[in-house]
Amino acid sequence: CWGHNIYKQSRPPEGRFAQVSAGAWHTCALDTDGNVSCFGQEADGRTAAPTGSFTQVSAGWTHSCAVLTDGRIQCWGNDDKGQATPPTGAGFVQVSAGEHHSCALDSAGKITCWGSNSAGEAAPPEGSFAQVHAGSRFTCARTDAGAVSCWGIDNYEQTHVPEATFASIGRGFASMCGYTVDGDLS
């Protein structure tokens, strides 16, 4: 890790890791044994270690969420808007923690969001998706065919998707980036 380190969010623990996710003032990592550890600002319990075996983790603004191996979602940290209170049930394959909302993708490609919906960020469109990313009051999702849909606040044109076929997308808190099937960054 590198960059701003005021809360030691750029100082990872020792170990071997399979995935990392940087939030606003904290970072979470998934190790090769399926354990999640978070480091950085400790306010709101955002660095509290969740229990269980996980397949994916996402650090948000002041909360984080992870997918357990059985497909359930576990979240921790600030829950002032319900962003750390995930839906019950299993079958989820990906989760994304945003600012005051979170979204998860199930094995059928359906997106479920919870938390704040002040700008429509937690109201996903119908359809089947392959990837979802929650940002600061907006969310974007990619289909298997590479089409991207975004919803929520558009104060920085973060929901204006360029015409392209995307292989993957990734979010900042007020931006979205992706690379196309041709390898171009957009």
N, C-alpha and C. Protein backbone atom coordinates (compact mmCIF):
# COMPACT_ATOMS: atom_id res chain seq x y z
N CYS A 1 0.84 -1.19 0.00
CA CYS A 1 0.00 0.00 0.00
C CYS A 1 0.88 1.24 0.00
N TRP A 2 0.34 2.33 -0.54
CA TRP A 2 1.08 3.58 -0.57
C TRP A 2 0.08 4.74 -0.58
N GLY A 3 0.55 5.92 -0.33
CA GLY A 3 -0.31 7.10 -0.32
C GLY A 3 -0.54 7.60 1.08
N HIS A 4 -1.61 8.33 1.28
CA HIS A 4 -1.96 8.95 2.56
C HIS A 4 -1.99 7.87 3.64
N ASN A 5 -1.33 8.15 4.77
CA ASN A 5 -1.20 7.12 5.80
C ASN A 5 -1.49 7.66 7.19
N ILE A 6 -2.33 8.70 7.29
CA ILE A 6 -2.58 9.34 8.58
C ILE A 6 -3.15 8.37 9.62
N TYR A 7 -3.93 7.39 9.18
CA TYR A 7 -4.52 6.42 10.10
C TYR A 7 -3.89 5.03 9.94
N LYS A 8 -2.76 4.97 9.29
CA LYS A 8 -2.05 3.72 9.01
C LYS A 8 -2.84 2.81 8.07
N GLN A 9 -3.69 3.43 7.21
CA GLN A 9 -4.45 2.66 6.22
C GLN A 9 -3.57 2.17 5.08
N SER A 10 -2.32 2.64 5.03
CA SER A 10 -1.37 2.18 4.02
C SER A 10 -0.31 1.27 4.60
N ARG A 11 -0.58 0.73 5.79
CA ARG A 11 0.38 -0.15 6.45
C ARG A 11 -0.25 -1.52 6.66
N PRO A 12 -0.16 -2.41 5.68
CA PRO A 12 -0.83 -3.72 5.76
C PRO A 12 -0.17 -4.66 6.77
N PRO A 13 -0.96 -5.62 7.26
CA PRO A 13 -0.39 -6.64 8.14
C PRO A 13 0.46 -7.62 7.33
N GLU A 14 1.21 -8.43 8.02
CA GLU A 14 1.99 -9.48 7.38
C GLU A 14 1.05 -10.58 6.89
N GLY A 15 1.45 -11.30 5.88
CA GLY A 15 0.66 -12.43 5.41
C GLY A 15 0.62 -12.51 3.90
N ARG A 16 -0.11 -13.49 3.41
CA ARG A 16 -0.30 -13.69 1.96
C ARG A 16 -1.76 -13.41 1.66
N PHE A 17 -1.98 -12.55 0.67
CA PHE A 17 -3.33 -12.06 0.42
C PHE A 17 -3.81 -12.37 -0.98
N ALA A 18 -5.14 -12.49 -1.12
CA ALA A 18 -5.77 -12.80 -2.40
C ALA A 18 -6.51 -11.60 -2.97
N GLN A 19 -6.87 -10.62 -2.10
CA GLN A 19 -7.62 -9.46 -2.55
C GLN A 19 -7.45 -8.32 -1.56
N VAL A 20 -7.49 -7.07 -2.05
CA VAL A 20 -7.42 -5.89 -1.19
C VAL A 20 -8.45 -4.88 -1.68
N SER A 21 -9.01 -4.09 -0.74
CA SER A 21 -9.98 -3.06 -1.08
C SER A 21 -9.72 -1.85 -0.19
N ALA A 22 -9.47 -0.69 -0.80
CA ALA A 22 -9.20 0.53 -0.06
C ALA A 22 -10.47 1.34 0.10
N GLY A 23 -10.78 1.72 1.34
CA GLY A 23 -11.91 2.59 1.62
C GLY A 23 -11.43 4.02 1.77
N ALA A 24 -12.20 4.84 2.48
CA ALA A 24 -11.83 6.24 2.64
C ALA A 24 -10.62 6.39 3.56
N TRP A 25 -10.71 5.89 4.77
CA TRP A 25 -9.63 6.01 5.74
C TRP A 25 -9.24 4.66 6.33
N HIS A 26 -9.66 3.59 5.68
CA HIS A 26 -9.28 2.25 6.13
C HIS A 26 -9.17 1.35 4.90
N THR A 27 -8.49 0.25 5.07
CA THR A 27 -8.27 -0.72 4.00
C THR A 27 -8.58 -2.11 4.55
N CYS A 28 -9.16 -2.96 3.71
CA CYS A 28 -9.43 -4.35 4.12
C CYS A 28 -8.77 -5.29 3.12
N ALA A 29 -8.32 -6.42 3.62
CA ALA A 29 -7.67 -7.41 2.77
C ALA A 29 -8.18 -8.81 3.11
N LEU A 30 -8.26 -9.63 2.09
CA LEU A 30 -8.67 -11.03 2.23
C LEU A 30 -7.42 -11.88 2.06
N ASP A 31 -7.09 -12.68 3.07
CA ASP A 31 -5.89 -13.51 2.94
C ASP A 31 -6.20 -14.81 2.21
N THR A 32 -5.18 -15.55 1.91
CA THR A 32 -5.33 -16.78 1.12
C THR A 32 -6.06 -17.89 1.86
N ASP A 33 -6.27 -17.71 3.17
CA ASP A 33 -7.04 -18.68 3.95
C ASP A 33 -8.50 -18.28 4.09
N GLY A 34 -8.91 -17.14 3.50
CA GLY A 34 -10.30 -16.70 3.57
C GLY A 34 -10.62 -15.80 4.75
N ASN A 35 -9.59 -15.32 5.46
CA ASN A 35 -9.80 -14.42 6.59
C ASN A 35 -9.71 -12.96 6.12
N VAL A 36 -10.51 -12.09 6.72
CA VAL A 36 -10.49 -10.67 6.40
C VAL A 36 -9.84 -9.92 7.55
N SER A 37 -8.94 -8.99 7.21
CA SER A 37 -8.38 -8.08 8.21
C SER A 37 -8.47 -6.67 7.65
N CYS A 38 -8.76 -5.71 8.53
CA CYS A 38 -8.86 -4.31 8.12
C CYS A 38 -7.91 -3.49 8.97
N PHE A 39 -7.38 -2.43 8.39
CA PHE A 39 -6.43 -1.58 9.09
C PHE A 39 -6.66 -0.14 8.68
N GLY A 40 -6.29 0.78 9.57
CA GLY A 40 -6.52 2.19 9.34
C GLY A 40 -7.36 2.78 10.45
N GLN A 41 -8.18 3.79 10.12
CA GLN A 41 -9.01 4.47 11.12
C GLN A 41 -9.96 3.48 11.79
N GLU A 42 -9.96 3.49 13.11
CA GLU A 42 -10.74 2.52 13.87
C GLU A 42 -12.13 3.01 14.25
N ALA A 43 -12.49 4.26 13.93
CA ALA A 43 -13.80 4.81 14.30
C ALA A 43 -14.92 3.94 13.75
N ASP A 44 -16.03 3.88 14.47
CA ASP A 44 -17.23 3.16 14.06
C ASP A 44 -17.03 1.65 13.92
N GLY A 45 -15.93 1.11 14.40
CA GLY A 45 -15.68 -0.32 14.29
C GLY A 45 -15.32 -0.77 12.89
N ARG A 46 -14.87 0.16 12.04
CA ARG A 46 -14.60 -0.21 10.64
C ARG A 46 -13.39 -1.12 10.46
N THR A 47 -12.53 -1.22 11.48
CA THR A 47 -11.41 -2.16 11.37
C THR A 47 -11.63 -3.41 12.21
N ALA A 48 -12.85 -3.58 12.74
CA ALA A 48 -13.17 -4.78 13.52
C ALA A 48 -13.08 -6.00 12.60
N ALA A 49 -12.42 -7.03 13.07
CA ALA A 49 -12.24 -8.23 12.25
C ALA A 49 -13.53 -9.04 12.21
N PRO A 50 -14.10 -9.26 11.03
CA PRO A 50 -15.29 -10.10 10.93
C PRO A 50 -14.91 -11.56 11.13
N THR A 51 -15.87 -12.37 11.52
CA THR A 51 -15.60 -13.78 11.73
C THR A 51 -16.19 -14.61 10.61
N GLY A 52 -15.49 -15.64 10.23
CA GLY A 52 -15.95 -16.53 9.18
C GLY A 52 -14.90 -16.71 8.11
N SER A 53 -15.27 -17.46 7.09
CA SER A 53 -14.40 -17.68 5.94
C SER A 53 -15.04 -16.96 4.75
N PHE A 54 -14.27 -16.12 4.07
CA PHE A 54 -14.80 -15.22 3.05
C PHE A 54 -14.19 -15.46 1.67
N THR A 55 -14.92 -15.00 0.65
CA THR A 55 -14.44 -15.11 -0.74
C THR A 55 -14.15 -13.76 -1.36
N GLN A 56 -14.67 -12.66 -0.76
CA GLN A 56 -14.48 -11.32 -1.33
C GLN A 56 -14.76 -10.29 -0.26
N VAL A 57 -14.06 -9.12 -0.33
CA VAL A 57 -14.24 -8.04 0.64
C VAL A 57 -14.29 -6.71 -0.09
N SER A 58 -15.05 -5.75 0.48
CA SER A 58 -15.13 -4.40 -0.08
C SER A 58 -15.14 -3.38 1.05
N ALA A 59 -14.17 -2.46 1.04
CA ALA A 59 -14.11 -1.38 2.02
C ALA A 59 -14.83 -0.17 1.45
N GLY A 60 -15.73 0.41 2.23
CA GLY A 60 -16.47 1.59 1.80
C GLY A 60 -15.97 2.84 2.49
N TRP A 61 -16.85 3.84 2.60
CA TRP A 61 -16.48 5.10 3.21
C TRP A 61 -16.22 4.93 4.71
N THR A 62 -17.18 4.42 5.45
CA THR A 62 -17.01 4.20 6.89
C THR A 62 -17.50 2.83 7.33
N HIS A 63 -17.72 1.95 6.36
CA HIS A 63 -18.13 0.58 6.67
C HIS A 63 -17.51 -0.34 5.63
N SER A 64 -17.60 -1.63 5.87
CA SER A 64 -17.09 -2.63 4.93
C SER A 64 -18.03 -3.81 4.92
N CYS A 65 -17.98 -4.58 3.84
CA CYS A 65 -18.80 -5.79 3.72
C CYS A 65 -17.96 -6.88 3.06
N ALA A 66 -18.32 -8.12 3.31
CA ALA A 66 -17.63 -9.26 2.72
C ALA A 66 -18.62 -10.38 2.44
N VAL A 67 -18.27 -11.21 1.47
CA VAL A 67 -19.09 -12.37 1.11
C VAL A 67 -18.51 -13.60 1.80
N LEU A 68 -19.33 -14.27 2.61
CA LEU A 68 -18.92 -15.51 3.24
C LEU A 68 -18.90 -16.64 2.21
N THR A 69 -18.20 -17.71 2.49
CA THR A 69 -18.11 -18.82 1.54
C THR A 69 -19.45 -19.46 1.25
N ASP A 70 -20.44 -19.30 2.16
CA ASP A 70 -21.76 -19.85 1.89
C ASP A 70 -22.67 -18.87 1.14
N GLY A 71 -22.12 -17.71 0.73
CA GLY A 71 -22.89 -16.75 -0.05
C GLY A 71 -23.67 -15.73 0.74
N ARG A 72 -23.54 -15.75 2.07
CA ARG A 72 -24.16 -14.70 2.88
C ARG A 72 -23.25 -13.48 2.93
N ILE A 73 -23.83 -12.33 3.26
CA ILE A 73 -23.08 -11.08 3.36
C ILE A 73 -22.92 -10.72 4.84
N GLN A 74 -21.72 -10.29 5.21
CA GLN A 74 -21.48 -9.77 6.55
C GLN A 74 -20.89 -8.36 6.40
N CYS A 75 -21.43 -7.38 7.14
CA CYS A 75 -20.93 -6.01 7.11
C CYS A 75 -20.60 -5.55 8.52
N TRP A 76 -19.75 -4.54 8.62
CA TRP A 76 -19.36 -3.98 9.91
C TRP A 76 -18.98 -2.52 9.71
N GLY A 77 -18.95 -1.77 10.81
CA GLY A 77 -18.61 -0.35 10.75
C GLY A 77 -19.85 0.51 10.92
N ASN A 78 -19.80 1.74 10.44
CA ASN A 78 -20.89 2.70 10.58
C ASN A 78 -22.16 2.18 9.90
N ASP A 79 -23.27 2.25 10.61
CA ASP A 79 -24.55 1.76 10.09
C ASP A 79 -25.64 2.82 10.22
N ASP A 80 -25.25 4.11 10.18
CA ASP A 80 -26.22 5.18 10.41
C ASP A 80 -27.31 5.27 9.36
N LYS A 81 -27.10 4.74 8.17
CA LYS A 81 -28.12 4.74 7.11
C LYS A 81 -28.55 3.32 6.74
N GLY A 82 -28.15 2.34 7.55
CA GLY A 82 -28.48 0.95 7.25
C GLY A 82 -27.54 0.29 6.26
N GLN A 83 -26.43 0.95 5.94
CA GLN A 83 -25.48 0.43 4.95
C GLN A 83 -24.72 -0.81 5.41
N ALA A 84 -24.68 -1.04 6.72
CA ALA A 84 -23.99 -2.22 7.25
C ALA A 84 -24.97 -3.28 7.74
N THR A 85 -26.23 -3.18 7.28
CA THR A 85 -27.25 -4.19 7.62
C THR A 85 -27.67 -4.89 6.34
N PRO A 86 -26.94 -5.93 5.94
CA PRO A 86 -27.20 -6.59 4.65
C PRO A 86 -28.48 -7.42 4.67
N PRO A 87 -28.97 -7.75 3.50
CA PRO A 87 -30.15 -8.62 3.43
C PRO A 87 -29.80 -10.02 3.94
N THR A 88 -30.81 -10.72 4.42
CA THR A 88 -30.59 -12.10 4.86
C THR A 88 -30.57 -13.00 3.64
N GLY A 89 -30.11 -14.19 3.82
CA GLY A 89 -30.09 -15.16 2.73
C GLY A 89 -28.70 -15.34 2.18
N ALA A 90 -28.58 -16.34 1.33
CA ALA A 90 -27.30 -16.70 0.73
C ALA A 90 -27.39 -16.56 -0.78
N GLY A 91 -26.36 -16.99 -1.46
CA GLY A 91 -26.36 -16.95 -2.92
C GLY A 91 -25.66 -15.75 -3.51
N PHE A 92 -25.05 -14.90 -2.66
CA PHE A 92 -24.35 -13.72 -3.17
C PHE A 92 -22.92 -14.09 -3.57
N VAL A 93 -22.43 -13.46 -4.64
CA VAL A 93 -21.08 -13.75 -5.13
C VAL A 93 -20.17 -12.53 -5.09
N GLN A 94 -20.75 -11.32 -4.97
CA GLN A 94 -19.95 -10.11 -4.90
C GLN A 94 -20.69 -9.06 -4.08
N VAL A 95 -19.93 -8.24 -3.34
CA VAL A 95 -20.51 -7.13 -2.59
C VAL A 95 -19.66 -5.89 -2.82
N SER A 96 -20.29 -4.72 -2.78
CA SER A 96 -19.57 -3.46 -2.91
C SER A 96 -20.12 -2.47 -1.89
N ALA A 97 -19.25 -1.99 -1.00
CA ALA A 97 -19.61 -1.02 0.02
C ALA A 97 -19.33 0.38 -0.51
N GLY A 98 -20.36 1.22 -0.54
CA GLY A 98 -20.20 2.59 -1.02
C GLY A 98 -20.05 3.57 0.14
N GLU A 99 -20.63 4.77 -0.04
CA GLU A 99 -20.56 5.77 1.03
C GLU A 99 -21.59 5.46 2.12
N HIS A 100 -22.86 5.56 1.81
CA HIS A 100 -23.92 5.27 2.77
C HIS A 100 -24.86 4.19 2.26
N HIS A 101 -24.41 3.41 1.29
CA HIS A 101 -25.20 2.29 0.79
C HIS A 101 -24.25 1.17 0.38
N SER A 102 -24.79 0.00 0.19
CA SER A 102 -24.03 -1.16 -0.26
C SER A 102 -24.89 -1.90 -1.27
N CYS A 103 -24.25 -2.61 -2.19
CA CYS A 103 -24.96 -3.43 -3.17
C CYS A 103 -24.27 -4.78 -3.29
N ALA A 104 -25.04 -5.80 -3.56
CA ALA A 104 -24.49 -7.14 -3.74
C ALA A 104 -25.10 -7.79 -4.98
N LEU A 105 -24.33 -8.66 -5.56
CA LEU A 105 -24.72 -9.40 -6.76
C LEU A 105 -24.89 -10.86 -6.38
N ASP A 106 -26.03 -11.45 -6.78
CA ASP A 106 -26.23 -12.87 -6.48
C ASP A 106 -25.83 -13.75 -7.67
N SER A 107 -25.87 -15.04 -7.46
CA SER A 107 -25.39 -15.98 -8.49
C SER A 107 -26.26 -15.97 -9.74
N ALA A 108 -27.47 -15.41 -9.67
CA ALA A 108 -28.34 -15.30 -10.84
C ALA A 108 -28.15 -13.98 -11.58
N GLY A 109 -27.26 -13.12 -11.07
CA GLY A 109 -26.99 -11.84 -11.72
C GLY A 109 -27.87 -10.70 -11.26
N LYS A 110 -28.67 -10.93 -10.21
CA LYS A 110 -29.55 -9.87 -9.69
C LYS A 110 -28.80 -9.05 -8.66
N ILE A 111 -29.04 -7.73 -8.67
CA ILE A 111 -28.42 -6.81 -7.72
C ILE A 111 -29.42 -6.45 -6.63
N THR A 112 -28.95 -6.50 -5.39
CA THR A 112 -29.72 -6.06 -4.23
C THR A 112 -28.92 -4.97 -3.53
N CYS A 113 -29.54 -3.83 -3.23
CA CYS A 113 -28.86 -2.74 -2.53
C CYS A 113 -29.60 -2.41 -1.24
N TRP A 114 -28.90 -1.83 -0.28
CA TRP A 114 -29.48 -1.43 0.99
C TRP A 114 -28.74 -0.20 1.50
N GLY A 115 -29.36 0.48 2.48
CA GLY A 115 -28.80 1.71 3.02
C GLY A 115 -29.48 2.92 2.42
N SER A 116 -28.78 4.03 2.37
CA SER A 116 -29.34 5.29 1.87
C SER A 116 -29.72 5.18 0.40
N ASN A 117 -30.85 5.80 0.06
CA ASN A 117 -31.30 5.86 -1.33
C ASN A 117 -31.67 7.31 -1.68
N SER A 118 -30.92 8.27 -1.09
CA SER A 118 -31.25 9.68 -1.23
C SER A 118 -31.14 10.19 -2.67
N ALA A 119 -30.33 9.54 -3.50
CA ALA A 119 -30.19 9.95 -4.90
C ALA A 119 -30.55 8.81 -5.86
N GLY A 120 -31.22 7.78 -5.34
CA GLY A 120 -31.57 6.63 -6.17
C GLY A 120 -30.44 5.63 -6.31
N GLU A 121 -29.39 5.77 -5.49
CA GLU A 121 -28.21 4.90 -5.58
C GLU A 121 -28.47 3.46 -5.16
N ALA A 122 -29.53 3.23 -4.39
CA ALA A 122 -29.85 1.88 -3.91
C ALA A 122 -31.06 1.30 -4.63
N ALA A 123 -31.34 1.82 -5.83
CA ALA A 123 -32.48 1.34 -6.63
C ALA A 123 -31.97 0.81 -7.97
N PRO A 124 -31.43 -0.41 -7.99
CA PRO A 124 -30.83 -0.94 -9.22
C PRO A 124 -31.88 -1.24 -10.29
N PRO A 125 -31.45 -1.18 -11.55
CA PRO A 125 -32.37 -1.55 -12.63
C PRO A 125 -32.57 -3.06 -12.68
N GLU A 126 -33.62 -3.48 -13.36
CA GLU A 126 -33.83 -4.91 -13.59
C GLU A 126 -32.78 -5.39 -14.59
N GLY A 127 -32.50 -6.66 -14.56
CA GLY A 127 -31.56 -7.23 -15.53
C GLY A 127 -30.62 -8.19 -14.86
N SER A 128 -29.76 -8.76 -15.66
CA SER A 128 -28.76 -9.71 -15.18
C SER A 128 -27.38 -9.07 -15.35
N PHE A 129 -26.62 -9.04 -14.27
CA PHE A 129 -25.33 -8.37 -14.26
C PHE A 129 -24.21 -9.31 -13.83
N ALA A 130 -22.97 -8.93 -14.15
CA ALA A 130 -21.80 -9.73 -13.81
C ALA A 130 -20.92 -9.05 -12.78
N GLN A 131 -21.13 -7.76 -12.54
CA GLN A 131 -20.27 -7.00 -11.64
C GLN A 131 -21.04 -5.77 -11.16
N VAL A 132 -20.83 -5.37 -9.90
CA VAL A 132 -21.47 -4.17 -9.35
C VAL A 132 -20.47 -3.41 -8.49
N HIS A 133 -20.54 -2.06 -8.55
CA HIS A 133 -19.68 -1.21 -7.73
C HIS A 133 -20.47 -0.03 -7.21
N ALA A 134 -20.47 0.15 -5.88
CA ALA A 134 -21.15 1.26 -5.23
C ALA A 134 -20.14 2.35 -4.91
N GLY A 135 -20.48 3.60 -5.25
CA GLY A 135 -19.61 4.74 -4.97
C GLY A 135 -20.28 5.68 -3.99
N SER A 136 -20.00 6.95 -4.13
CA SER A 136 -20.59 7.97 -3.27
C SER A 136 -21.91 8.43 -3.86
N ARG A 137 -23.00 7.83 -3.41
CA ARG A 137 -24.36 8.15 -3.84
C ARG A 137 -24.63 7.79 -5.30
N PHE A 138 -23.87 6.86 -5.86
CA PHE A 138 -24.15 6.31 -7.18
C PHE A 138 -23.65 4.87 -7.23
N THR A 139 -24.14 4.11 -8.21
CA THR A 139 -23.76 2.72 -8.38
C THR A 139 -23.68 2.43 -9.87
N CYS A 140 -22.75 1.57 -10.26
CA CYS A 140 -22.66 1.11 -11.65
C CYS A 140 -22.56 -0.41 -11.66
N ALA A 141 -23.07 -1.01 -12.73
CA ALA A 141 -23.01 -2.46 -12.88
C ALA A 141 -22.72 -2.80 -14.34
N ARG A 142 -22.04 -3.93 -14.53
CA ARG A 142 -21.66 -4.41 -15.87
C ARG A 142 -22.35 -5.74 -16.15
N THR A 143 -22.86 -5.87 -17.38
CA THR A 143 -23.47 -7.14 -17.79
C THR A 143 -22.39 -8.08 -18.33
N ASP A 144 -22.74 -9.34 -18.53
CA ASP A 144 -21.81 -10.30 -19.14
C ASP A 144 -21.40 -9.86 -20.54
N ALA A 145 -22.30 -9.16 -21.23
CA ALA A 145 -22.01 -8.71 -22.60
C ALA A 145 -21.13 -7.46 -22.62
N GLY A 146 -20.85 -6.86 -21.45
CA GLY A 146 -19.95 -5.72 -21.38
C GLY A 146 -20.63 -4.36 -21.36
N ALA A 147 -21.97 -4.33 -21.30
CA ALA A 147 -22.68 -3.06 -21.18
C ALA A 147 -22.66 -2.60 -19.73
N VAL A 148 -22.55 -1.30 -19.51
CA VAL A 148 -22.51 -0.74 -18.16
C VAL A 148 -23.70 0.19 -17.96
N SER A 149 -24.39 0.03 -16.82
CA SER A 149 -25.48 0.91 -16.41
C SER A 149 -25.09 1.55 -15.09
N CYS A 150 -25.40 2.85 -14.95
CA CYS A 150 -25.13 3.56 -13.69
C CYS A 150 -26.39 4.28 -13.26
N TRP A 151 -26.57 4.45 -11.95
CA TRP A 151 -27.73 5.14 -11.40
C TRP A 151 -27.33 5.85 -10.12
N GLY A 152 -28.13 6.86 -9.76
CA GLY A 152 -27.86 7.65 -8.58
C GLY A 152 -27.44 9.05 -8.97
N ILE A 153 -26.73 9.74 -8.07
CA ILE A 153 -26.33 11.13 -8.30
C ILE A 153 -25.36 11.23 -9.48
N ASP A 154 -25.46 12.34 -10.20
CA ASP A 154 -24.63 12.52 -11.39
C ASP A 154 -23.92 13.88 -11.35
N ASN A 155 -23.52 14.34 -10.16
CA ASN A 155 -22.93 15.66 -10.03
C ASN A 155 -21.55 15.79 -10.67
N TYR A 156 -20.86 14.72 -10.95
CA TYR A 156 -19.57 14.74 -11.63
C TYR A 156 -19.59 13.91 -12.91
N GLU A 157 -20.78 13.70 -13.45
CA GLU A 157 -20.98 12.88 -14.66
C GLU A 157 -20.51 11.45 -14.47
N GLN A 158 -20.55 10.96 -13.22
CA GLN A 158 -20.12 9.60 -12.94
C GLN A 158 -21.09 8.54 -13.45
N THR A 159 -22.29 8.96 -13.83
CA THR A 159 -23.22 7.99 -14.41
C THR A 159 -23.29 8.10 -15.93
N HIS A 160 -22.45 8.96 -16.53
CA HIS A 160 -22.37 9.08 -17.99
C HIS A 160 -21.38 8.03 -18.50
N VAL A 161 -21.87 6.92 -18.97
CA VAL A 161 -21.01 5.81 -19.39
C VAL A 161 -20.61 5.99 -20.85
N PRO A 162 -19.31 5.95 -21.15
CA PRO A 162 -18.89 6.03 -22.55
C PRO A 162 -19.35 4.79 -23.33
N GLU A 163 -19.54 4.96 -24.60
CA GLU A 163 -19.94 3.82 -25.44
C GLU A 163 -18.74 2.92 -25.64
N ALA A 164 -18.83 1.73 -25.08
CA ALA A 164 -17.75 0.74 -25.17
C ALA A 164 -18.28 -0.58 -24.65
N THR A 165 -17.54 -1.63 -24.93
CA THR A 165 -17.83 -2.95 -24.37
C THR A 165 -16.76 -3.21 -23.32
N PHE A 166 -17.19 -3.26 -22.05
CA PHE A 166 -16.25 -3.33 -20.94
C PHE A 166 -16.01 -4.76 -20.48
N ALA A 167 -14.74 -5.05 -20.18
CA ALA A 167 -14.37 -6.34 -19.60
C ALA A 167 -14.44 -6.28 -18.08
N SER A 168 -14.23 -5.08 -17.50
CA SER A 168 -14.27 -4.91 -16.06
C SER A 168 -14.44 -3.43 -15.74
N ILE A 169 -15.02 -3.14 -14.56
CA ILE A 169 -15.15 -1.78 -14.07
C ILE A 169 -14.67 -1.70 -12.64
N GLY A 170 -14.29 -0.50 -12.20
CA GLY A 170 -13.86 -0.27 -10.83
C GLY A 170 -14.25 1.13 -10.42
N ARG A 171 -14.51 1.35 -9.14
CA ARG A 171 -15.02 2.63 -8.69
C ARG A 171 -14.05 3.38 -7.79
N GLY A 172 -14.19 4.71 -7.89
CA GLY A 172 -13.67 5.63 -6.89
C GLY A 172 -14.90 6.10 -6.14
N PHE A 173 -14.77 7.11 -5.31
CA PHE A 173 -15.95 7.56 -4.60
C PHE A 173 -16.81 8.50 -5.42
N ALA A 174 -16.23 9.20 -6.40
CA ALA A 174 -17.03 10.07 -7.28
C ALA A 174 -16.67 9.82 -8.74
N SER A 175 -16.14 8.66 -9.03
CA SER A 175 -15.75 8.34 -10.41
C SER A 175 -15.86 6.84 -10.64
N MET A 176 -15.86 6.46 -11.91
CA MET A 176 -15.90 5.06 -12.30
C MET A 176 -14.93 4.92 -13.46
N CYS A 177 -14.19 3.86 -13.48
CA CYS A 177 -13.27 3.57 -14.59
C CYS A 177 -13.52 2.13 -15.04
N GLY A 178 -13.10 1.83 -16.24
CA GLY A 178 -13.22 0.48 -16.74
C GLY A 178 -12.23 0.23 -17.85
N TYR A 179 -11.98 -1.01 -18.11
CA TYR A 179 -11.19 -1.33 -19.30
C TYR A 179 -12.05 -2.17 -20.22
N THR A 180 -11.85 -1.90 -21.51
CA THR A 180 -12.70 -2.51 -22.53
C THR A 180 -12.17 -3.89 -22.90
N VAL A 181 -12.95 -4.60 -23.68
CA VAL A 181 -12.53 -5.92 -24.14
C VAL A 181 -11.29 -5.82 -25.03
N ASP A 182 -11.02 -4.64 -25.59
CA ASP A 182 -9.82 -4.41 -26.40
C ASP A 182 -8.63 -4.01 -25.57
N GLY A 183 -8.82 -3.85 -24.23
CA GLY A 183 -7.73 -3.50 -23.35
C GLY A 183 -7.55 -2.00 -23.14
N ASP A 184 -8.44 -1.19 -23.70
CA ASP A 184 -8.35 0.27 -23.51
C ASP A 184 -8.92 0.66 -22.16
N LEU A 185 -8.32 1.65 -21.53
CA LEU A 185 -8.81 2.17 -20.27
C LEU A 185 -9.74 3.33 -20.56
N SER A 186 -10.92 3.32 -19.93
CA SER A 186 -11.89 4.38 -20.19
C SER A 186 -12.37 4.96 -18.87
